[in-house]
N, C-alpha and C. Protein backbone atom coordinates (compact mmCIF):
# COMPACT_ATOMS: atom_id res chain seq x y z
N MET A 1 11.34 -4.56 12.36
CA MET A 1 10.98 -4.83 10.98
C MET A 1 9.74 -5.70 10.96
N LYS A 2 8.80 -5.37 10.11
CA LYS A 2 7.53 -6.09 10.05
C LYS A 2 7.61 -7.23 9.03
N GLU A 3 6.62 -8.08 9.04
CA GLU A 3 6.55 -9.20 8.11
C GLU A 3 6.58 -8.70 6.67
N ASN A 4 7.25 -9.41 5.79
CA ASN A 4 7.38 -9.06 4.37
C ASN A 4 8.12 -7.76 4.15
N GLU A 5 8.87 -7.28 5.15
CA GLU A 5 9.58 -6.03 5.00
C GLU A 5 11.07 -6.31 4.90
N LEU A 6 11.70 -5.75 3.93
CA LEU A 6 13.11 -5.91 3.71
C LEU A 6 13.68 -4.54 3.36
N ILE A 7 14.70 -4.14 4.05
CA ILE A 7 15.30 -2.85 3.76
C ILE A 7 16.47 -3.09 2.82
N MET A 8 16.38 -2.55 1.63
CA MET A 8 17.42 -2.74 0.64
C MET A 8 17.48 -1.50 -0.24
N THR A 9 18.61 -0.89 -0.34
CA THR A 9 18.76 0.30 -1.18
C THR A 9 19.05 -0.11 -2.61
N ASP A 10 18.94 0.86 -3.54
CA ASP A 10 19.24 0.58 -4.94
C ASP A 10 20.65 0.03 -5.10
N THR A 11 21.59 0.57 -4.35
CA THR A 11 22.97 0.11 -4.50
C THR A 11 23.13 -1.31 -3.99
N GLN A 12 22.30 -1.72 -3.04
CA GLN A 12 22.36 -3.10 -2.59
C GLN A 12 21.77 -4.05 -3.63
N MET A 13 20.88 -3.54 -4.46
CA MET A 13 20.28 -4.37 -5.51
C MET A 13 21.23 -4.48 -6.70
N ALA A 14 22.22 -3.62 -6.78
CA ALA A 14 23.18 -3.63 -7.88
C ALA A 14 24.41 -4.43 -7.47
N PRO A 15 25.15 -4.98 -8.45
CA PRO A 15 26.38 -5.68 -8.13
C PRO A 15 27.39 -4.73 -7.47
N ARG A 16 28.42 -5.28 -6.90
CA ARG A 16 29.41 -4.51 -6.16
C ARG A 16 30.22 -3.55 -7.04
N ASN A 17 30.41 -3.86 -8.32
CA ASN A 17 31.18 -2.98 -9.20
C ASN A 17 30.47 -1.63 -9.29
N PRO A 18 31.06 -0.55 -8.72
CA PRO A 18 30.33 0.70 -8.61
C PRO A 18 30.20 1.50 -9.90
N ARG A 19 31.01 1.24 -10.91
CA ARG A 19 30.97 2.04 -12.13
C ARG A 19 30.99 1.15 -13.37
N SER A 20 30.29 1.62 -14.40
CA SER A 20 30.28 0.92 -15.68
C SER A 20 31.49 1.36 -16.50
N LYS A 21 31.68 0.74 -17.63
CA LYS A 21 32.78 1.12 -18.53
C LYS A 21 32.67 2.58 -18.96
N GLY A 22 31.44 3.05 -19.13
CA GLY A 22 31.22 4.43 -19.58
C GLY A 22 31.21 5.45 -18.46
N GLY A 23 31.30 4.98 -17.22
CA GLY A 23 31.39 5.89 -16.10
C GLY A 23 30.13 6.03 -15.26
N LEU A 24 28.98 5.60 -15.78
CA LEU A 24 27.75 5.67 -14.98
C LEU A 24 27.87 4.73 -13.78
N PRO A 25 27.35 5.13 -12.64
CA PRO A 25 27.23 4.15 -11.56
C PRO A 25 26.37 3.00 -12.07
N LEU A 26 26.69 1.80 -11.64
CA LEU A 26 26.00 0.62 -12.17
C LEU A 26 24.50 0.67 -11.92
N SER A 27 24.07 1.23 -10.80
CA SER A 27 22.62 1.34 -10.54
C SER A 27 21.95 2.24 -11.58
N ALA A 28 22.63 3.32 -12.00
CA ALA A 28 22.10 4.21 -13.04
C ALA A 28 22.10 3.51 -14.40
N GLN A 29 23.12 2.72 -14.66
CA GLN A 29 23.19 1.96 -15.91
C GLN A 29 22.03 0.97 -15.98
N MET A 30 21.73 0.32 -14.86
CA MET A 30 20.60 -0.62 -14.81
C MET A 30 19.29 0.11 -15.06
N GLU A 31 19.14 1.29 -14.47
CA GLU A 31 17.93 2.09 -14.67
C GLU A 31 17.76 2.46 -16.14
N GLU A 32 18.82 2.92 -16.77
CA GLU A 32 18.77 3.28 -18.19
C GLU A 32 18.40 2.08 -19.05
N PHE A 33 18.91 0.90 -18.69
CA PHE A 33 18.60 -0.29 -19.47
C PHE A 33 17.13 -0.67 -19.34
N SER A 34 16.53 -0.41 -18.17
CA SER A 34 15.10 -0.70 -18.02
C SER A 34 14.27 0.20 -18.93
N TYR A 35 14.72 1.46 -19.13
CA TYR A 35 14.05 2.34 -20.10
C TYR A 35 14.22 1.79 -21.52
N ALA A 36 15.42 1.32 -21.83
CA ALA A 36 15.67 0.76 -23.16
C ALA A 36 14.78 -0.46 -23.41
N TYR A 37 14.58 -1.26 -22.38
CA TYR A 37 13.75 -2.46 -22.50
C TYR A 37 12.31 -2.09 -22.85
N ILE A 38 11.72 -1.18 -22.10
CA ILE A 38 10.32 -0.83 -22.37
C ILE A 38 10.20 -0.10 -23.70
N HIS A 39 11.20 0.69 -24.07
CA HIS A 39 11.19 1.35 -25.38
C HIS A 39 11.20 0.30 -26.50
N ALA A 40 12.02 -0.72 -26.35
CA ALA A 40 12.10 -1.76 -27.38
C ALA A 40 10.76 -2.48 -27.52
N VAL A 41 10.15 -2.84 -26.40
CA VAL A 41 8.87 -3.57 -26.45
C VAL A 41 7.78 -2.69 -27.05
N ALA A 42 7.63 -1.47 -26.54
CA ALA A 42 6.54 -0.60 -27.00
C ALA A 42 6.71 -0.17 -28.45
N SER A 43 7.92 0.18 -28.84
CA SER A 43 8.11 0.64 -30.22
C SER A 43 7.95 -0.50 -31.22
N SER A 44 8.17 -1.74 -30.78
CA SER A 44 8.02 -2.87 -31.71
C SER A 44 6.57 -3.07 -32.15
N VAL A 45 5.60 -2.51 -31.39
CA VAL A 45 4.20 -2.58 -31.79
C VAL A 45 3.62 -1.20 -32.09
N GLY A 46 4.49 -0.19 -32.20
CA GLY A 46 4.06 1.12 -32.67
C GLY A 46 3.48 2.06 -31.64
N TYR A 47 3.78 1.83 -30.37
CA TYR A 47 3.28 2.73 -29.34
C TYR A 47 4.31 3.81 -29.01
N GLU A 48 3.81 4.91 -28.50
CA GLU A 48 4.63 6.07 -28.16
C GLU A 48 4.92 6.05 -26.65
N LEU A 49 6.08 6.58 -26.26
CA LEU A 49 6.43 6.63 -24.85
C LEU A 49 6.68 8.06 -24.41
N ASP A 50 6.23 8.37 -23.21
CA ASP A 50 6.53 9.64 -22.55
C ASP A 50 7.26 9.31 -21.27
N GLU A 51 8.47 9.81 -21.13
CA GLU A 51 9.21 9.62 -19.89
C GLU A 51 8.88 10.76 -18.93
N SER A 52 8.76 10.41 -17.68
CA SER A 52 8.50 11.42 -16.65
C SER A 52 9.84 11.84 -16.06
N HIS A 53 10.10 13.13 -16.07
CA HIS A 53 11.36 13.61 -15.53
C HIS A 53 11.31 13.78 -14.02
N THR A 54 10.12 13.74 -13.47
CA THR A 54 9.95 13.71 -12.02
C THR A 54 9.20 12.44 -11.69
N ASP A 55 9.51 11.88 -10.59
CA ASP A 55 8.97 10.57 -10.22
C ASP A 55 8.09 10.68 -8.98
N TYR A 56 7.38 11.79 -8.83
CA TYR A 56 6.62 12.03 -7.61
C TYR A 56 5.49 11.03 -7.39
N GLN A 57 4.89 10.53 -8.46
CA GLN A 57 3.78 9.58 -8.33
C GLN A 57 4.22 8.16 -8.66
N SER A 58 5.53 7.92 -8.63
CA SER A 58 6.09 6.60 -8.92
C SER A 58 5.82 6.17 -10.36
N ILE A 59 5.80 7.13 -11.26
CA ILE A 59 5.60 6.85 -12.69
C ILE A 59 6.87 7.27 -13.43
N ASP A 60 7.50 6.31 -14.09
CA ASP A 60 8.71 6.60 -14.86
C ASP A 60 8.41 6.85 -16.33
N VAL A 61 7.45 6.12 -16.87
CA VAL A 61 7.15 6.21 -18.29
C VAL A 61 5.68 5.87 -18.53
N SER A 62 5.10 6.52 -19.53
CA SER A 62 3.74 6.20 -19.98
C SER A 62 3.81 5.70 -21.40
N VAL A 63 3.07 4.65 -21.68
CA VAL A 63 2.96 4.12 -23.03
C VAL A 63 1.58 4.51 -23.52
N LYS A 64 1.52 5.07 -24.73
CA LYS A 64 0.22 5.51 -25.24
C LYS A 64 0.12 5.26 -26.73
N SER A 65 -1.12 5.30 -27.20
CA SER A 65 -1.37 5.14 -28.63
C SER A 65 -0.79 6.36 -29.35
N ALA A 66 -0.18 6.13 -30.50
CA ALA A 66 0.43 7.21 -31.26
C ALA A 66 -0.59 8.03 -32.04
N LYS A 67 -1.85 7.58 -32.05
CA LYS A 67 -2.92 8.34 -32.72
C LYS A 67 -4.21 8.15 -31.95
N LEU A 68 -5.14 9.07 -32.15
CA LEU A 68 -6.46 8.92 -31.55
C LEU A 68 -7.20 7.82 -32.30
N LEU A 69 -7.81 6.92 -31.56
CA LEU A 69 -8.53 5.82 -32.16
C LEU A 69 -9.99 6.20 -32.33
N GLU A 70 -10.62 5.63 -33.35
CA GLU A 70 -12.02 5.92 -33.62
C GLU A 70 -12.89 4.73 -33.23
N ASN A 71 -14.14 5.02 -32.92
CA ASN A 71 -15.14 4.01 -32.60
C ASN A 71 -14.75 3.11 -31.42
N VAL A 72 -14.12 3.71 -30.41
CA VAL A 72 -13.76 2.98 -29.20
C VAL A 72 -14.19 3.81 -27.99
N SER A 73 -14.25 3.19 -26.83
CA SER A 73 -14.64 3.91 -25.61
C SER A 73 -13.58 4.91 -25.15
N VAL A 74 -12.32 4.52 -25.30
CA VAL A 74 -11.21 5.38 -24.88
C VAL A 74 -10.31 5.61 -26.11
N PRO A 75 -10.43 6.78 -26.75
CA PRO A 75 -9.69 7.02 -28.00
C PRO A 75 -8.19 7.26 -27.81
N ASP A 76 -7.75 7.47 -26.58
CA ASP A 76 -6.32 7.71 -26.33
C ASP A 76 -5.81 6.83 -25.19
N PRO A 77 -5.81 5.50 -25.38
CA PRO A 77 -5.41 4.61 -24.29
C PRO A 77 -3.96 4.81 -23.89
N GLN A 78 -3.70 4.68 -22.59
CA GLN A 78 -2.33 4.73 -22.11
C GLN A 78 -2.20 3.93 -20.83
N ILE A 79 -0.96 3.55 -20.54
CA ILE A 79 -0.62 2.81 -19.34
C ILE A 79 0.62 3.46 -18.75
N ARG A 80 0.66 3.58 -17.43
CA ARG A 80 1.81 4.18 -16.74
C ARG A 80 2.61 3.10 -16.04
N PHE A 81 3.92 3.24 -16.09
CA PHE A 81 4.82 2.22 -15.54
C PHE A 81 5.78 2.79 -14.51
N GLN A 82 5.98 2.02 -13.46
CA GLN A 82 7.08 2.24 -12.52
C GLN A 82 8.12 1.20 -12.90
N LEU A 83 9.32 1.65 -13.30
CA LEU A 83 10.37 0.75 -13.74
C LEU A 83 11.34 0.44 -12.60
N LYS A 84 11.67 -0.81 -12.47
CA LYS A 84 12.68 -1.26 -11.52
C LYS A 84 13.58 -2.25 -12.24
N SER A 85 14.80 -2.35 -11.79
CA SER A 85 15.72 -3.33 -12.38
C SER A 85 16.61 -3.91 -11.30
N THR A 86 17.07 -5.11 -11.55
CA THR A 86 17.95 -5.79 -10.61
C THR A 86 18.79 -6.82 -11.34
N THR A 87 19.93 -7.14 -10.76
CA THR A 87 20.74 -8.25 -11.25
C THR A 87 20.65 -9.42 -10.28
N GLN A 88 19.90 -9.24 -9.22
CA GLN A 88 19.71 -10.31 -8.23
C GLN A 88 18.81 -11.39 -8.82
N ASN A 89 19.14 -12.64 -8.52
CA ASN A 89 18.26 -13.73 -8.94
C ASN A 89 17.16 -13.84 -7.90
N LEU A 90 16.05 -13.20 -8.17
CA LEU A 90 14.93 -13.15 -7.23
C LEU A 90 13.86 -14.18 -7.55
N ILE A 91 14.10 -15.01 -8.56
CA ILE A 91 13.11 -16.03 -8.94
C ILE A 91 13.21 -17.20 -7.97
N ASN A 92 12.06 -17.54 -7.38
CA ASN A 92 11.98 -18.66 -6.45
C ASN A 92 10.76 -19.49 -6.84
N GLY A 93 11.01 -20.58 -7.51
CA GLY A 93 9.91 -21.41 -7.98
C GLY A 93 9.16 -20.72 -9.11
N ASN A 94 7.88 -20.45 -8.89
CA ASN A 94 7.03 -19.85 -9.92
C ASN A 94 6.81 -18.36 -9.74
N SER A 95 7.63 -17.73 -8.88
CA SER A 95 7.42 -16.30 -8.64
C SER A 95 8.72 -15.58 -8.33
N ILE A 96 8.62 -14.27 -8.33
CA ILE A 96 9.72 -13.37 -8.02
C ILE A 96 9.27 -12.58 -6.80
N SER A 97 10.15 -12.43 -5.83
CA SER A 97 9.85 -11.61 -4.66
C SER A 97 10.76 -10.39 -4.72
N TYR A 98 10.14 -9.22 -4.89
CA TYR A 98 10.91 -7.99 -5.05
C TYR A 98 10.58 -7.01 -3.92
N PRO A 99 11.60 -6.48 -3.23
CA PRO A 99 11.36 -5.51 -2.17
C PRO A 99 11.07 -4.13 -2.76
N LEU A 100 9.82 -3.69 -2.66
CA LEU A 100 9.38 -2.42 -3.23
C LEU A 100 9.19 -1.41 -2.11
N GLU A 101 9.69 -0.20 -2.33
CA GLU A 101 9.52 0.86 -1.33
C GLU A 101 8.04 1.14 -1.12
N ILE A 102 7.68 1.45 0.13
CA ILE A 102 6.28 1.67 0.48
C ILE A 102 5.65 2.79 -0.34
N LYS A 103 6.37 3.88 -0.57
CA LYS A 103 5.81 4.98 -1.37
C LYS A 103 5.41 4.47 -2.75
N ASN A 104 6.29 3.70 -3.40
CA ASN A 104 5.97 3.14 -4.72
C ASN A 104 4.78 2.20 -4.63
N TYR A 105 4.76 1.36 -3.62
CA TYR A 105 3.65 0.42 -3.43
C TYR A 105 2.33 1.16 -3.30
N ASN A 106 2.30 2.16 -2.45
CA ASN A 106 1.06 2.92 -2.26
C ASN A 106 0.66 3.70 -3.50
N ASP A 107 1.61 4.30 -4.20
CA ASP A 107 1.29 5.02 -5.43
C ASP A 107 0.73 4.09 -6.50
N LEU A 108 1.27 2.88 -6.60
CA LEU A 108 0.80 1.93 -7.61
C LEU A 108 -0.53 1.29 -7.22
N ARG A 109 -0.89 1.33 -5.95
CA ARG A 109 -2.18 0.82 -5.48
C ARG A 109 -3.32 1.79 -5.76
N ALA A 110 -2.99 3.04 -6.04
CA ALA A 110 -4.02 4.09 -6.21
C ALA A 110 -5.04 3.68 -7.27
N LYS A 111 -6.28 3.97 -6.99
CA LYS A 111 -7.36 3.66 -7.94
C LYS A 111 -7.49 4.82 -8.92
N THR A 112 -6.64 4.79 -9.93
CA THR A 112 -6.60 5.83 -10.94
C THR A 112 -7.29 5.37 -12.22
N LYS A 113 -7.69 6.32 -13.03
CA LYS A 113 -8.33 5.99 -14.31
C LYS A 113 -7.34 5.31 -15.25
N THR A 114 -6.11 5.79 -15.27
CA THR A 114 -5.07 5.21 -16.12
C THR A 114 -4.35 4.11 -15.34
N PRO A 115 -4.28 2.89 -15.89
CA PRO A 115 -3.63 1.79 -15.18
C PRO A 115 -2.16 2.09 -14.87
N ARG A 116 -1.72 1.60 -13.72
CA ARG A 116 -0.33 1.72 -13.28
C ARG A 116 0.22 0.32 -13.09
N VAL A 117 1.44 0.12 -13.58
CA VAL A 117 2.04 -1.21 -13.57
C VAL A 117 3.47 -1.14 -13.04
N LEU A 118 3.83 -2.10 -12.21
CA LEU A 118 5.22 -2.28 -11.81
C LEU A 118 5.86 -3.16 -12.87
N LEU A 119 6.98 -2.70 -13.43
CA LEU A 119 7.73 -3.50 -14.40
C LEU A 119 9.13 -3.71 -13.86
N LEU A 120 9.45 -4.95 -13.54
CA LEU A 120 10.76 -5.31 -13.01
C LEU A 120 11.58 -5.97 -14.11
N VAL A 121 12.71 -5.35 -14.45
CA VAL A 121 13.61 -5.89 -15.47
C VAL A 121 14.75 -6.61 -14.76
N ILE A 122 14.89 -7.89 -15.03
CA ILE A 122 15.95 -8.68 -14.42
C ILE A 122 17.08 -8.84 -15.43
N LEU A 123 18.28 -8.46 -14.99
CA LEU A 123 19.46 -8.43 -15.85
C LEU A 123 20.50 -9.44 -15.37
N PRO A 124 21.35 -9.95 -16.29
CA PRO A 124 22.48 -10.76 -15.86
C PRO A 124 23.43 -9.93 -14.98
N ASP A 125 24.22 -10.60 -14.16
CA ASP A 125 25.19 -9.91 -13.30
C ASP A 125 26.17 -9.05 -14.09
N ASP A 126 26.64 -9.57 -15.20
CA ASP A 126 27.67 -8.91 -15.99
C ASP A 126 27.03 -8.02 -17.06
N PRO A 127 27.23 -6.70 -17.00
CA PRO A 127 26.64 -5.80 -18.01
C PRO A 127 27.04 -6.13 -19.44
N ASP A 128 28.18 -6.78 -19.63
CA ASP A 128 28.57 -7.20 -20.98
C ASP A 128 27.62 -8.25 -21.55
N GLU A 129 26.82 -8.87 -20.70
CA GLU A 129 25.86 -9.88 -21.14
C GLU A 129 24.45 -9.33 -21.35
N TRP A 130 24.22 -8.06 -21.04
CA TRP A 130 22.88 -7.49 -21.16
C TRP A 130 22.42 -7.40 -22.61
N ILE A 131 23.37 -7.17 -23.50
CA ILE A 131 23.05 -7.06 -24.92
C ILE A 131 24.12 -7.81 -25.70
N ILE A 132 23.70 -8.64 -26.61
CA ILE A 132 24.62 -9.46 -27.40
C ILE A 132 24.49 -9.06 -28.86
N HIS A 133 25.63 -8.86 -29.51
CA HIS A 133 25.64 -8.53 -30.94
C HIS A 133 26.29 -9.67 -31.71
N ASP A 134 25.56 -10.25 -32.63
CA ASP A 134 26.10 -11.19 -33.60
C ASP A 134 25.45 -10.81 -34.92
N ASP A 135 24.80 -11.71 -35.61
CA ASP A 135 24.07 -11.33 -36.82
C ASP A 135 22.86 -10.45 -36.48
N PHE A 136 22.42 -10.52 -35.24
CA PHE A 136 21.30 -9.73 -34.73
C PHE A 136 21.71 -9.14 -33.39
N THR A 137 20.90 -8.22 -32.90
CA THR A 137 21.10 -7.70 -31.56
C THR A 137 20.08 -8.34 -30.64
N HIS A 138 20.54 -8.88 -29.52
CA HIS A 138 19.68 -9.57 -28.57
C HIS A 138 19.77 -8.89 -27.22
N LEU A 139 18.63 -8.58 -26.64
CA LEU A 139 18.60 -8.10 -25.26
C LEU A 139 18.49 -9.34 -24.38
N LYS A 140 19.51 -9.56 -23.57
CA LYS A 140 19.51 -10.76 -22.72
C LYS A 140 18.94 -10.39 -21.36
N THR A 141 17.65 -10.14 -21.36
CA THR A 141 16.96 -9.67 -20.17
C THR A 141 15.50 -10.06 -20.27
N CYS A 142 14.79 -9.88 -19.18
CA CYS A 142 13.36 -10.14 -19.21
C CYS A 142 12.67 -9.19 -18.23
N GLY A 143 11.51 -8.69 -18.63
CA GLY A 143 10.73 -7.82 -17.76
C GLY A 143 9.49 -8.55 -17.28
N TYR A 144 9.18 -8.37 -16.01
CA TYR A 144 8.02 -9.01 -15.39
C TYR A 144 7.12 -7.92 -14.82
N PHE A 145 5.80 -8.09 -14.95
CA PHE A 145 4.88 -7.04 -14.53
C PHE A 145 3.97 -7.49 -13.40
N ARG A 146 3.45 -6.48 -12.70
CA ARG A 146 2.46 -6.73 -11.66
C ARG A 146 1.60 -5.49 -11.49
N PHE A 147 0.28 -5.67 -11.54
CA PHE A 147 -0.66 -4.62 -11.20
C PHE A 147 -0.88 -4.68 -9.69
N LEU A 148 -0.82 -3.55 -9.03
CA LEU A 148 -0.98 -3.51 -7.58
C LEU A 148 -2.26 -2.79 -7.14
N ARG A 149 -3.09 -2.42 -8.08
CA ARG A 149 -4.26 -1.59 -7.81
C ARG A 149 -5.12 -2.08 -6.65
N ASP A 150 -5.42 -3.33 -6.56
CA ASP A 150 -6.32 -3.84 -5.53
C ASP A 150 -5.59 -4.48 -4.34
N GLU A 151 -4.31 -4.21 -4.22
CA GLU A 151 -3.55 -4.78 -3.10
C GLU A 151 -3.92 -4.06 -1.80
N PRO A 152 -3.82 -4.76 -0.69
CA PRO A 152 -4.20 -4.17 0.59
C PRO A 152 -3.17 -3.16 1.11
N GLU A 153 -3.62 -2.33 2.03
CA GLU A 153 -2.70 -1.44 2.73
C GLU A 153 -1.73 -2.28 3.53
N THR A 154 -0.60 -1.69 3.89
CA THR A 154 0.37 -2.39 4.72
C THR A 154 0.78 -1.50 5.88
N THR A 155 1.20 -2.12 6.96
CA THR A 155 1.71 -1.36 8.09
C THR A 155 3.24 -1.26 8.04
N ASN A 156 3.84 -1.86 7.01
CA ASN A 156 5.29 -1.74 6.85
C ASN A 156 5.66 -0.27 6.69
N SER A 157 6.84 0.08 7.14
CA SER A 157 7.24 1.48 7.08
C SER A 157 8.24 1.80 5.98
N THR A 158 8.96 0.82 5.48
CA THR A 158 9.98 1.12 4.47
C THR A 158 9.77 0.40 3.15
N SER A 159 9.49 -0.91 3.21
CA SER A 159 9.31 -1.66 1.96
C SER A 159 8.40 -2.86 2.21
N ILE A 160 7.97 -3.44 1.11
CA ILE A 160 7.14 -4.64 1.16
C ILE A 160 7.59 -5.55 0.03
N ASN A 161 7.66 -6.84 0.31
CA ASN A 161 8.03 -7.78 -0.74
C ASN A 161 6.82 -8.03 -1.62
N VAL A 162 6.95 -7.67 -2.88
CA VAL A 162 5.89 -7.85 -3.86
C VAL A 162 6.17 -9.14 -4.63
N THR A 163 5.18 -9.99 -4.73
CA THR A 163 5.33 -11.24 -5.46
C THR A 163 4.83 -11.05 -6.89
N ILE A 164 5.69 -11.44 -7.84
CA ILE A 164 5.35 -11.33 -9.25
C ILE A 164 5.43 -12.74 -9.85
N PRO A 165 4.33 -13.27 -10.39
CA PRO A 165 4.39 -14.59 -11.03
C PRO A 165 5.35 -14.56 -12.24
N ILE A 166 6.14 -15.61 -12.40
CA ILE A 166 7.09 -15.63 -13.53
C ILE A 166 6.37 -15.74 -14.87
N ASP A 167 5.10 -16.08 -14.85
CA ASP A 167 4.31 -16.09 -16.08
C ASP A 167 3.97 -14.67 -16.54
N ASN A 168 4.14 -13.68 -15.69
CA ASN A 168 3.83 -12.28 -16.03
C ASN A 168 4.98 -11.63 -16.79
N VAL A 169 5.34 -12.21 -17.92
CA VAL A 169 6.40 -11.66 -18.76
C VAL A 169 5.82 -10.53 -19.60
N PHE A 170 6.49 -9.39 -19.57
CA PHE A 170 6.04 -8.23 -20.34
C PHE A 170 6.50 -8.38 -21.78
N THR A 171 5.54 -8.58 -22.69
CA THR A 171 5.85 -8.78 -24.10
C THR A 171 5.07 -7.78 -24.95
N LYS A 172 5.42 -7.69 -26.21
CA LYS A 172 4.69 -6.80 -27.12
C LYS A 172 3.24 -7.24 -27.28
N ASP A 173 2.98 -8.54 -27.26
CA ASP A 173 1.61 -9.03 -27.38
C ASP A 173 0.78 -8.67 -26.14
N ILE A 174 1.37 -8.80 -24.97
CA ILE A 174 0.68 -8.42 -23.73
C ILE A 174 0.35 -6.93 -23.77
N LEU A 175 1.34 -6.10 -24.13
CA LEU A 175 1.13 -4.66 -24.17
C LEU A 175 0.02 -4.30 -25.15
N HIS A 176 0.05 -4.88 -26.34
CA HIS A 176 -0.98 -4.58 -27.33
C HIS A 176 -2.37 -5.02 -26.84
N ASP A 177 -2.44 -6.18 -26.19
CA ASP A 177 -3.71 -6.64 -25.63
C ASP A 177 -4.23 -5.64 -24.60
N TRP A 178 -3.36 -5.18 -23.71
CA TRP A 178 -3.78 -4.19 -22.70
C TRP A 178 -4.33 -2.93 -23.36
N MET A 179 -3.61 -2.43 -24.37
CA MET A 179 -4.03 -1.18 -25.02
C MET A 179 -5.39 -1.36 -25.70
N CYS A 180 -5.62 -2.50 -26.33
CA CYS A 180 -6.93 -2.76 -26.96
C CYS A 180 -8.02 -2.86 -25.91
N ARG A 181 -7.74 -3.51 -24.80
CA ARG A 181 -8.73 -3.62 -23.73
C ARG A 181 -9.07 -2.28 -23.13
N ILE A 182 -8.06 -1.44 -22.92
CA ILE A 182 -8.30 -0.09 -22.40
C ILE A 182 -9.11 0.72 -23.39
N ALA A 183 -8.76 0.65 -24.66
CA ALA A 183 -9.50 1.38 -25.71
C ALA A 183 -10.98 0.95 -25.72
N GLY A 184 -11.22 -0.32 -25.40
CA GLY A 184 -12.60 -0.82 -25.35
C GLY A 184 -13.33 -0.49 -24.06
N GLY A 185 -12.66 0.23 -23.15
CA GLY A 185 -13.31 0.66 -21.93
C GLY A 185 -13.11 -0.27 -20.75
N GLU A 186 -12.30 -1.29 -20.92
CA GLU A 186 -12.08 -2.24 -19.84
C GLU A 186 -11.07 -1.68 -18.84
N THR A 187 -11.24 -2.02 -17.57
CA THR A 187 -10.28 -1.65 -16.53
C THR A 187 -9.33 -2.84 -16.33
N LEU A 188 -8.05 -2.54 -16.35
CA LEU A 188 -7.06 -3.61 -16.14
C LEU A 188 -6.84 -3.85 -14.65
């Protein structure tokens, strides 16, 4: 095993309880919740989402403008996301260390015209705590992002620990800022 390499499967990242109340394996339930998280953030500022039914390029969902914009460099801005989720407490000080598969790492490093982002959704251990209903509905989770475009190649063969600053919280304001910057021709 090489430096910064950790072998961990999706089921190892999920709690030991193999099935949810509804019957989904817990790892699949976590994956679905990560889609719900990005849908909630993007729809709160009026953006459209396209889910990818195949994950060959490590892209799970694209967020795009719901209309063509006028008088901008890029009239149809979009961002592509690789979604990951965990119930592990991976926060250590001011950062999160997440073991990302090499294929995903290399795909997200690609110098593409459309930005690619790793979005890690951290969930409480107990699925009953992921969403709270009282007078309002609360998602008790947080998503953290990292652009890997300019990261170096690695000699690791299975995974690499990706460091995500805890300040990189994925919010509706961050998403809207990115979309405006892309529309203006800026590279993220």
